[in-house]
Amino acid sequence: MVWGKEPVKLLGRKVAYGILKRRLDTMWAKSGGINLIDVGNGFFVVRFYSEEDYWNVLEGGLWLLFDHYLTIHQWAPDFNAFGAEINKVTAWVRLPDLPIEYYDKQFLETVGDQIGKTLKVDMNTANRSRGKFARLCVELDLSKLLEAKYIVNGSTYYIEYEGLHMICFSCGRFGHVHDSCMNTSGQANSREEREGVLNQDGEENILGANEGSVQNMQEGGNQTVKGKEVISEYSKYSAWMVING
């Protein structure tokens, strides 16, 4: 029996059929083989000959290949590889140089929810065993601008993205680089694009402490998580966002 027919795509990098097949045979075909079909536009359909392998892949978390995320999509009737878009991706995000007293699960989840949707905190971070950076697993909406910085109690900190190499330092979006950017102003033009950063009147928004939502400064006052104020900062983008190697 064959299990699944999930489309997969390596995010931000092209990969040849033979190379991908050999890698997936090693990574995914533990109990049985896999069948790989090239359907165009960088998408491949994977079918499993082992139910155990199938569920291990779907529930196995993040998959990285050549330091790029291998995205897995749910099959839908009339799937069109040339019309399919990848708008959501689960990625690891680093918060470097954060003082150790901020390595608090609730606080880090609040920061992560400002970046995207926090799914979990890395165990080394949760145990405070690694002080170089905090590490969060976050679901990102690639149709929106990526956050580059955030402010905690008046100090600005950078945000780094693992496995996302094609970030435009002009407009802050994933999927192209500065030289091919169509938005030469590098600014968000709509209220939706600046959601969670500035409100319609240009006032800075502050992340809510308990609700995990964005609140206006005038409406909610300075919100804190265990005495720590968190503010999203709309700012220029730069190479610190991309982790190489």
C-alpha atoms as a PDB file:
ATOM      1  CA  MET A   1       0.000   0.000   0.000  1.00  0.00           C
ATOM      2  CA  VAL A   2       1.181   3.523  -0.806  1.00  0.00           C
ATOM      3  CA  TRP A   3       0.694   6.295   1.747  1.00  0.00           C
ATOM      4  CA  GLY A   4       0.232   9.989   1.030  1.00  0.00           C
ATOM      5  CA  LYS A   5       0.937  12.138  -1.990  1.00  0.00           C
ATOM      6  CA  GLU A   6       2.200  15.294  -0.323  1.00  0.00           C
ATOM      7  CA  PRO A   7       3.780  18.030  -2.481  1.00  0.00           C
ATOM      8  CA  VAL A   8       7.139  19.198  -1.127  1.00  0.00           C
ATOM      9  CA  LYS A   9       9.347  22.115  -2.133  1.00  0.00           C
ATOM     10  CA  LEU A  10      12.757  23.347  -1.026  1.00  0.00           C
ATOM     11  CA  LEU A  11      12.191  26.944   0.025  1.00  0.00           C
ATOM     12  CA  GLY A  12      14.465  29.472  -1.654  1.00  0.00           C
ATOM     13  CA  ARG A  13      16.649  27.017  -3.579  1.00  0.00           C
ATOM     14  CA  LYS A  14      16.368  24.775  -6.628  1.00  0.00           C
ATOM     15  CA  VAL A  15      17.333  21.135  -6.276  1.00  0.00           C
ATOM     16  CA  ALA A  16      17.760  18.430  -8.917  1.00  0.00           C
ATOM     17  CA  TYR A  17      15.498  15.386  -8.841  1.00  0.00           C
ATOM     18  CA  GLY A  18      18.314  12.875  -8.328  1.00  0.00           C
ATOM     19  CA  ILE A  19      19.885  14.794  -5.458  1.00  0.00           C
ATOM     20  CA  LEU A  20      16.555  15.252  -3.683  1.00  0.00           C
ATOM     21  CA  LYS A  21      15.621  11.592  -4.162  1.00  0.00           C
ATOM     22  CA  ARG A  22      18.883  10.387  -2.620  1.00  0.00           C
ATOM     23  CA  ARG A  23      18.551  12.746   0.335  1.00  0.00           C
ATOM     24  CA  LEU A  24      14.931  11.802   1.008  1.00  0.00           C
ATOM     25  CA  ASP A  25      15.769   8.104   0.764  1.00  0.00           C
ATOM     26  CA  THR A  26      18.268   8.682   3.576  1.00  0.00           C
ATOM     27  CA  MET A  27      16.133  11.049   5.667  1.00  0.00           C
ATOM     28  CA  TRP A  28      12.644   9.619   5.255  1.00  0.00           C
ATOM     29  CA  ALA A  29      12.717   6.025   3.955  1.00  0.00           C
ATOM     30  CA  LYS A  30      13.505   4.275   7.240  1.00  0.00           C
ATOM     31  CA  SER A  31      11.075   1.347   7.038  1.00  0.00           C
ATOM     32  CA  GLY A  32      10.240   1.316   3.335  1.00  0.00           C
ATOM     33  CA  GLY A  33      10.946   3.167   0.116  1.00  0.00           C
ATOM     34  CA  ILE A  34       9.501   6.372  -1.288  1.00  0.00           C
ATOM     35  CA  ASN A  35       8.297   7.387  -4.720  1.00  0.00           C
ATOM     36  CA  LEU A  36       9.185  10.905  -5.903  1.00  0.00           C
ATOM     37  CA  ILE A  37       7.492  12.677  -8.821  1.00  0.00           C
ATOM     38  CA  ASP A  38       8.657  16.005 -10.280  1.00  0.00           C
ATOM     39  CA  VAL A  39       5.511  18.082 -10.943  1.00  0.00           C
ATOM     40  CA  GLY A  40       7.294  21.304 -11.928  1.00  0.00           C
ATOM     41  CA  ASN A  41       8.084  24.721 -10.464  1.00  0.00           C
ATOM     42  CA  GLY A  42      10.284  23.174  -7.784  1.00  0.00           C
ATOM     43  CA  PHE A  43       7.478  20.979  -6.404  1.00  0.00           C
ATOM     44  CA  PHE A  44       7.779  17.214  -5.993  1.00  0.00           C
ATOM     45  CA  VAL A  45       5.101  14.764  -4.888  1.00  0.00           C
ATOM     46  CA  VAL A  46       6.238  12.163  -2.354  1.00  0.00           C
ATOM     47  CA  ARG A  47       4.498   8.830  -1.775  1.00  0.00           C
ATOM     48  CA  PHE A  48       5.514   6.429   0.978  1.00  0.00           C
ATOM     49  CA  TYR A  49       5.563   2.632   0.995  1.00  0.00           C
ATOM     50  CA  SER A  50       5.558   2.586   4.801  1.00  0.00           C
ATOM     51  CA  GLU A  51       2.830   4.048   6.994  1.00  0.00           C
ATOM     52  CA  GLU A  52       5.352   4.478   9.801  1.00  0.00           C
ATOM     53  CA  ASP A  53       7.645   6.553   7.574  1.00  0.00           C
ATOM     54  CA  TYR A  54       4.696   8.628   6.393  1.00  0.00           C
ATOM     55  CA  TRP A  55       3.611   9.658   9.887  1.00  0.00           C
ATOM     56  CA  ASN A  56       7.189  10.160  11.090  1.00  0.00           C
ATOM     57  CA  VAL A  57       7.723  12.692   8.311  1.00  0.00           C
ATOM     58  CA  LEU A  58       4.448  14.541   8.878  1.00  0.00           C
ATOM     59  CA  GLU A  59       4.934  14.703  12.638  1.00  0.00           C
ATOM     60  CA  GLY A  60       8.720  15.023  12.636  1.00  0.00           C
ATOM     61  CA  GLY A  61       8.845  18.790  12.856  1.00  0.00           C
ATOM     62  CA  LEU A  62      11.102  20.949  10.688  1.00  0.00           C
ATOM     63  CA  TRP A  63      13.092  19.481   7.796  1.00  0.00           C
ATOM     64  CA  LEU A  64      16.228  21.253   6.565  1.00  0.00           C
ATOM     65  CA  LEU A  65      18.066  20.367   3.369  1.00  0.00           C
ATOM     66  CA  PHE A  66      21.180  22.318   2.323  1.00  0.00           C
ATOM     67  CA  ASP A  67      20.284  24.781   5.104  1.00  0.00           C
ATOM     68  CA  HIS A  68      16.901  25.517   3.475  1.00  0.00           C
ATOM     69  CA  TYR A  69      13.476  24.441   4.713  1.00  0.00           C
ATOM     70  CA  LEU A  70      11.838  21.546   2.914  1.00  0.00           C
ATOM     71  CA  THR A  71       8.181  22.540   3.032  1.00  0.00           C
ATOM     72  CA  ILE A  72       5.437  19.902   3.040  1.00  0.00           C
ATOM     73  CA  HIS A  73       1.977  20.763   1.740  1.00  0.00           C
ATOM     74  CA  GLN A  74      -1.340  19.000   2.059  1.00  0.00           C
ATOM     75  CA  TRP A  75      -2.507  17.528  -1.209  1.00  0.00           C
ATOM     76  CA  ALA A  76      -5.619  19.083  -2.726  1.00  0.00           C
ATOM     77  CA  PRO A  77      -7.539  18.095  -5.877  1.00  0.00           C
ATOM     78  CA  ASP A  78      -6.369  19.870  -9.041  1.00  0.00           C
ATOM     79  CA  PHE A  79      -3.076  20.840  -7.385  1.00  0.00           C
ATOM     80  CA  ASN A  80      -1.270  23.229  -9.742  1.00  0.00           C
ATOM     81  CA  ALA A  81       2.444  23.548  -9.021  1.00  0.00           C
ATOM     82  CA  PHE A  82       2.721  26.707 -11.119  1.00  0.00           C
ATOM     83  CA  GLY A  83      -0.123  28.419  -9.285  1.00  0.00           C
ATOM     84  CA  ALA A  84       0.717  27.224  -5.777  1.00  0.00           C
ATOM     85  CA  GLU A  85       2.099  29.745  -3.304  1.00  0.00           C
ATOM     86  CA  ILE A  86       3.967  29.178  -0.052  1.00  0.00           C
ATOM     87  CA  ASN A  87       2.622  31.787   2.349  1.00  0.00           C
ATOM     88  CA  LYS A  88       3.218  30.031   5.664  1.00  0.00           C
ATOM     89  CA  VAL A  89       6.411  28.390   6.889  1.00  0.00           C
ATOM     90  CA  THR A  90       7.510  27.057  10.251  1.00  0.00           C
ATOM     91  CA  ALA A  91      11.019  28.290  11.033  1.00  0.00           C
ATOM     92  CA  TRP A  92      13.543  28.631  13.831  1.00  0.00           C
ATOM     93  CA  VAL A  93      14.142  32.216  14.938  1.00  0.00           C
ATOM     94  CA  ARG A  94      17.041  33.411  17.085  1.00  0.00           C
ATOM     95  CA  LEU A  95      17.066  36.307  19.536  1.00  0.00           C
ATOM     96  CA  PRO A  96      20.781  37.018  20.065  1.00  0.00           C
ATOM     97  CA  ASP A  97      22.371  38.943  22.943  1.00  0.00           C
ATOM     98  CA  LEU A  98      19.235  38.818  25.083  1.00  0.00           C
ATOM     99  CA  PRO A  99      20.099  39.095  28.809  1.00  0.00           C
ATOM    100  CA  ILE A 100      19.663  35.789  30.615  1.00  0.00           C
ATOM    101  CA  GLU A 101      16.969  37.187  32.921  1.00  0.00           C
ATOM    102  CA  TYR A 102      14.663  37.373  29.887  1.00  0.00           C
ATOM    103  CA  TYR A 103      14.941  33.622  29.259  1.00  0.00           C
ATOM    104  CA  ASP A 104      11.432  33.169  30.561  1.00  0.00           C
ATOM    105  CA  LYS A 105       9.031  30.946  28.598  1.00  0.00           C
ATOM    106  CA  GLN A 106       6.045  33.290  28.821  1.00  0.00           C
ATOM    107  CA  PHE A 107       8.128  36.313  27.892  1.00  0.00           C
ATOM    108  CA  LEU A 108       9.812  34.564  24.935  1.00  0.00           C
ATOM    109  CA  GLU A 109       6.466  33.306  23.642  1.00  0.00           C
ATOM    110  CA  THR A 110       5.191  36.882  23.760  1.00  0.00           C
ATOM    111  CA  VAL A 111       8.139  38.080  21.674  1.00  0.00           C
ATOM    112  CA  GLY A 112       7.647  35.145  19.294  1.00  0.00           C
ATOM    113  CA  ASP A 113       3.994  36.056  18.817  1.00  0.00           C
ATOM    114  CA  GLN A 114       5.126  39.498  17.702  1.00  0.00           C
ATOM    115  CA  ILE A 115       7.288  37.854  15.016  1.00  0.00           C
ATOM    116  CA  GLY A 116       4.683  35.283  13.972  1.00  0.00           C
ATOM    117  CA  LYS A 117       2.951  32.531  15.925  1.00  0.00           C
ATOM    118  CA  THR A 118       5.073  30.865  18.599  1.00  0.00           C
ATOM    119  CA  LEU A 119       4.923  27.065  18.422  1.00  0.00           C
ATOM    120  CA  LYS A 120       7.586  26.163  20.975  1.00  0.00           C
ATOM    121  CA  VAL A 121      10.698  27.363  22.780  1.00  0.00           C
ATOM    122  CA  ASP A 122      13.936  25.454  22.183  1.00  0.00           C
ATOM    123  CA  MET A 123      14.728  23.181  25.132  1.00  0.00           C
ATOM    124  CA  ASN A 124      18.239  24.612  25.568  1.00  0.00           C
ATOM    125  CA  THR A 125      16.683  28.064  25.793  1.00  0.00           C
ATOM    126  CA  ALA A 126      13.955  26.903  28.160  1.00  0.00           C
ATOM    127  CA  ASN A 127      16.587  25.352  30.436  1.00  0.00           C
ATOM    128  CA  ARG A 128      18.788  28.471  30.187  1.00  0.00           C
ATOM    129  CA  SER A 129      21.688  26.227  29.192  1.00  0.00           C
ATOM    130  CA  ARG A 130      22.599  28.356  26.166  1.00  0.00           C
ATOM    131  CA  GLY A 131      23.027  32.065  26.740  1.00  0.00           C
ATOM    132  CA  LYS A 132      24.326  33.169  23.327  1.00  0.00           C
ATOM    133  CA  PHE A 133      20.823  33.420  21.878  1.00  0.00           C
ATOM    134  CA  ALA A 134      17.247  32.428  22.610  1.00  0.00           C
ATOM    135  CA  ARG A 135      15.715  30.130  19.990  1.00  0.00           C
ATOM    136  CA  LEU A 136      12.031  29.904  19.105  1.00  0.00           C
ATOM    137  CA  CYS A 137      10.032  27.836  16.634  1.00  0.00           C
ATOM    138  CA  VAL A 138       7.630  30.255  14.950  1.00  0.00           C
ATOM    139  CA  GLU A 139       5.055  30.012  12.177  1.00  0.00           C
ATOM    140  CA  LEU A 140       5.749  32.892   9.785  1.00  0.00           C
ATOM    141  CA  ASP A 141       3.383  34.506   7.309  1.00  0.00           C
ATOM    142  CA  LEU A 142       5.602  35.108   4.274  1.00  0.00           C
ATOM    143  CA  SER A 143       2.993  37.361   2.676  1.00  0.00           C
ATOM    144  CA  LYS A 144       3.795  39.964   5.338  1.00  0.00           C
ATOM    145  CA  LEU A 145       6.915  41.925   6.229  1.00  0.00           C
ATOM    146  CA  LEU A 146       9.409  40.125   8.443  1.00  0.00           C
ATOM    147  CA  GLU A 147      10.240  41.690  11.780  1.00  0.00           C
ATOM    148  CA  ALA A 148      13.876  42.802  11.988  1.00  0.00           C
ATOM    149  CA  LYS A 149      14.192  44.216  15.517  1.00  0.00           C
ATOM    150  CA  TYR A 150      12.299  44.549  18.762  1.00  0.00           C
ATOM    151  CA  ILE A 151      12.684  46.706  21.868  1.00  0.00           C
ATOM    152  CA  VAL A 152      12.744  45.494  25.464  1.00  0.00           C
ATOM    153  CA  ASN A 153      12.741  48.152  28.186  1.00  0.00           C
ATOM    154  CA  GLY A 154      14.367  50.710  25.911  1.00  0.00           C
ATOM    155  CA  SER A 155      17.060  48.412  24.456  1.00  0.00           C
ATOM    156  CA  THR A 156      16.937  47.294  20.809  1.00  0.00           C
ATOM    157  CA  TYR A 157      17.640  43.668  19.866  1.00  0.00           C
ATOM    158  CA  TYR A 158      18.016  41.977  16.481  1.00  0.00           C
ATOM    159  CA  ILE A 159      15.988  39.057  15.102  1.00  0.00           C
ATOM    160  CA  GLU A 160      17.739  36.308  13.106  1.00  0.00           C
ATOM    161  CA  TYR A 161      16.061  33.716  10.864  1.00  0.00           C
ATOM    162  CA  GLU A 162      17.458  30.214  10.375  1.00  0.00           C
ATOM    163  CA  GLY A 163      17.087  28.656   6.923  1.00  0.00           C
ATOM    164  CA  LEU A 164      15.667  31.795   5.262  1.00  0.00           C
ATOM    165  CA  HIS A 165      18.326  33.186   2.945  1.00  0.00           C
ATOM    166  CA  MET A 166      16.319  35.103   0.345  1.00  0.00           C
ATOM    167  CA  ILE A 167      15.317  38.118   2.449  1.00  0.00           C
ATOM    168  CA  CYS A 168      15.108  41.536   0.821  1.00  0.00           C
ATOM    169  CA  PHE A 169      16.904  44.160   2.898  1.00  0.00           C
ATOM    170  CA  SER A 170      14.965  46.873   1.075  1.00  0.00           C
ATOM    171  CA  CYS A 171      11.338  45.895   1.753  1.00  0.00           C
ATOM    172  CA  GLY A 172      11.718  43.192   4.408  1.00  0.00           C
ATOM    173  CA  ARG A 173       9.948  40.420   2.507  1.00  0.00           C
ATOM    174  CA  PHE A 174      11.061  36.870   1.812  1.00  0.00           C
ATOM    175  CA  GLY A 175      11.351  35.561  -1.744  1.00  0.00           C
ATOM    176  CA  HIS A 176      13.640  38.033  -3.496  1.00  0.00           C
ATOM    177  CA  VAL A 177      16.744  40.117  -2.834  1.00  0.00           C
ATOM    178  CA  HIS A 178      17.394  43.851  -2.841  1.00  0.00           C
ATOM    179  CA  ASP A 179      18.589  44.032  -6.472  1.00  0.00           C
ATOM    180  CA  SER A 180      15.296  42.616  -7.779  1.00  0.00           C
ATOM    181  CA  CYS A 181      12.985  44.406  -5.332  1.00  0.00           C
ATOM    182  CA  MET A 182       9.978  46.122  -6.904  1.00  0.00           C
ATOM    183  CA  ASN A 183       9.320  48.150  -3.754  1.00  0.00           C
ATOM    184  CA  THR A 184      12.295  50.489  -3.954  1.00  0.00           C
ATOM    185  CA  SER A 185      11.058  52.697  -1.134  1.00  0.00           C
ATOM    186  CA  GLY A 186      11.603  49.908   1.381  1.00  0.00           C
ATOM    187  CA  GLN A 187       8.557  51.100   3.311  1.00  0.00           C
ATOM    188  CA  ALA A 188       5.274  49.407   4.124  1.00  0.00           C
ATOM    189  CA  ASN A 189       2.552  51.308   2.299  1.00  0.00           C
ATOM    190  CA  SER A 190      -0.622  49.867   3.776  1.00  0.00           C
ATOM    191  CA  ARG A 191      -1.986  49.551   7.268  1.00  0.00           C
ATOM    192  CA  GLU A 192      -2.195  45.776   6.836  1.00  0.00           C
ATOM    193  CA  GLU A 193       1.504  45.567   5.931  1.00  0.00           C
ATOM    194  CA  ARG A 194       2.389  47.517   9.067  1.00  0.00           C
ATOM    195  CA  GLU A 195       0.037  45.592  11.355  1.00  0.00           C
ATOM    196  CA  GLY A 196       1.602  45.130  14.757  1.00  0.00           C
ATOM    197  CA  VAL A 197       4.097  47.940  14.144  1.00  0.00           C
ATOM    198  CA  LEU A 198       2.322  51.284  13.785  1.00  0.00           C
ATOM    199  CA  ASN A 199      -1.351  52.083  14.042  1.00  0.00           C
ATOM    200  CA  GLN A 200      -3.225  54.213  11.537  1.00  0.00           C
ATOM    201  CA  ASP A 201      -2.269  57.439  13.293  1.00  0.00           C
ATOM    202  CA  GLY A 202       1.416  56.565  13.302  1.00  0.00           C
ATOM    203  CA  GLU A 203       1.498  55.738  17.017  1.00  0.00           C
ATOM    204  CA  GLU A 204       3.683  52.888  18.178  1.00  0.00           C
ATOM    205  CA  ASN A 205       1.944  49.684  19.227  1.00  0.00           C
ATOM    206  CA  ILE A 206       2.903  47.647  22.270  1.00  0.00           C
ATOM    207  CA  LEU A 207       2.456  43.918  22.596  1.00  0.00           C
ATOM    208  CA  GLY A 208      -0.163  42.910  25.164  1.00  0.00           C
ATOM    209  CA  ALA A 209       1.156  41.046  28.170  1.00  0.00           C
ATOM    210  CA  ASN A 210      -1.380  38.321  28.774  1.00  0.00           C
ATOM    211  CA  GLU A 211      -3.554  38.217  25.672  1.00  0.00           C
ATOM    212  CA  GLY A 212      -0.641  37.876  23.228  1.00  0.00           C
ATOM    213  CA  SER A 213      -2.240  40.561  21.062  1.00  0.00           C
ATOM    214  CA  VAL A 214      -1.131  43.951  19.797  1.00  0.00           C
ATOM    215  CA  GLN A 215      -2.610  46.878  21.676  1.00  0.00           C
ATOM    216  CA  ASN A 216      -2.421  50.598  21.048  1.00  0.00           C
ATOM    217  CA  MET A 217      -0.313  52.553  23.532  1.00  0.00           C
ATOM    218  CA  GLN A 218      -3.087  55.061  24.230  1.00  0.00           C
ATOM    219  CA  GLU A 219      -5.717  52.365  24.713  1.00  0.00           C
ATOM    220  CA  GLY A 220      -3.806  49.827  26.749  1.00  0.00           C
ATOM    221  CA  GLY A 221      -0.921  51.746  28.271  1.00  0.00           C
ATOM    222  CA  ASN A 222       2.520  50.207  28.601  1.00  0.00           C
ATOM    223  CA  GLN A 223       1.950  46.455  28.676  1.00  0.00           C
ATOM    224  CA  THR A 224       4.474  44.236  30.440  1.00  0.00           C
ATOM    225  CA  VAL A 225       5.298  40.567  30.878  1.00  0.00           C
ATOM    226  CA  LYS A 226       6.665  40.036  34.370  1.00  0.00           C
ATOM    227  CA  GLY A 227       7.834  43.642  34.404  1.00  0.00           C
ATOM    228  CA  LYS A 228       9.410  43.499  30.944  1.00  0.00           C
ATOM    229  CA  GLU A 229       8.062  45.905  28.332  1.00  0.00           C
ATOM    230  CA  VAL A 230       8.065  44.660  24.723  1.00  0.00           C
ATOM    231  CA  ILE A 231       7.648  47.019  21.768  1.00  0.00           C
ATOM    232  CA  SER A 232       7.743  46.091  18.083  1.00  0.00           C
ATOM    233  CA  GLU A 233       9.998  48.417  16.098  1.00  0.00           C
ATOM    234  CA  TYR A 234       9.517  49.160  12.392  1.00  0.00           C
ATOM    235  CA  SER A 235      13.025  49.716  11.108  1.00  0.00           C
ATOM    236  CA  LYS A 236      15.458  49.136   8.290  1.00  0.00           C
ATOM    237  CA  TYR A 237      16.488  45.598   7.418  1.00  0.00           C
ATOM    238  CA  SER A 238      20.003  44.255   7.043  1.00  0.00           C
ATOM    239  CA  ALA A 239      22.207  41.166   6.792  1.00  0.00           C
ATOM    240  CA  TRP A 240      21.943  40.340  10.503  1.00  0.00           C
ATOM    241  CA  MET A 241      18.570  38.715   9.705  1.00  0.00           C
ATOM    242  CA  VAL A 242      20.178  35.924   7.644  1.00  0.00           C
ATOM    243  CA  ILE A 243      22.188  33.149   9.306  1.00  0.00           C
ATOM    244  CA  ASN A 244      24.774  31.561   7.027  1.00  0.00           C
ATOM    245  CA  GLY A 245      26.249  28.218   7.994  1.00  0.00           C
END
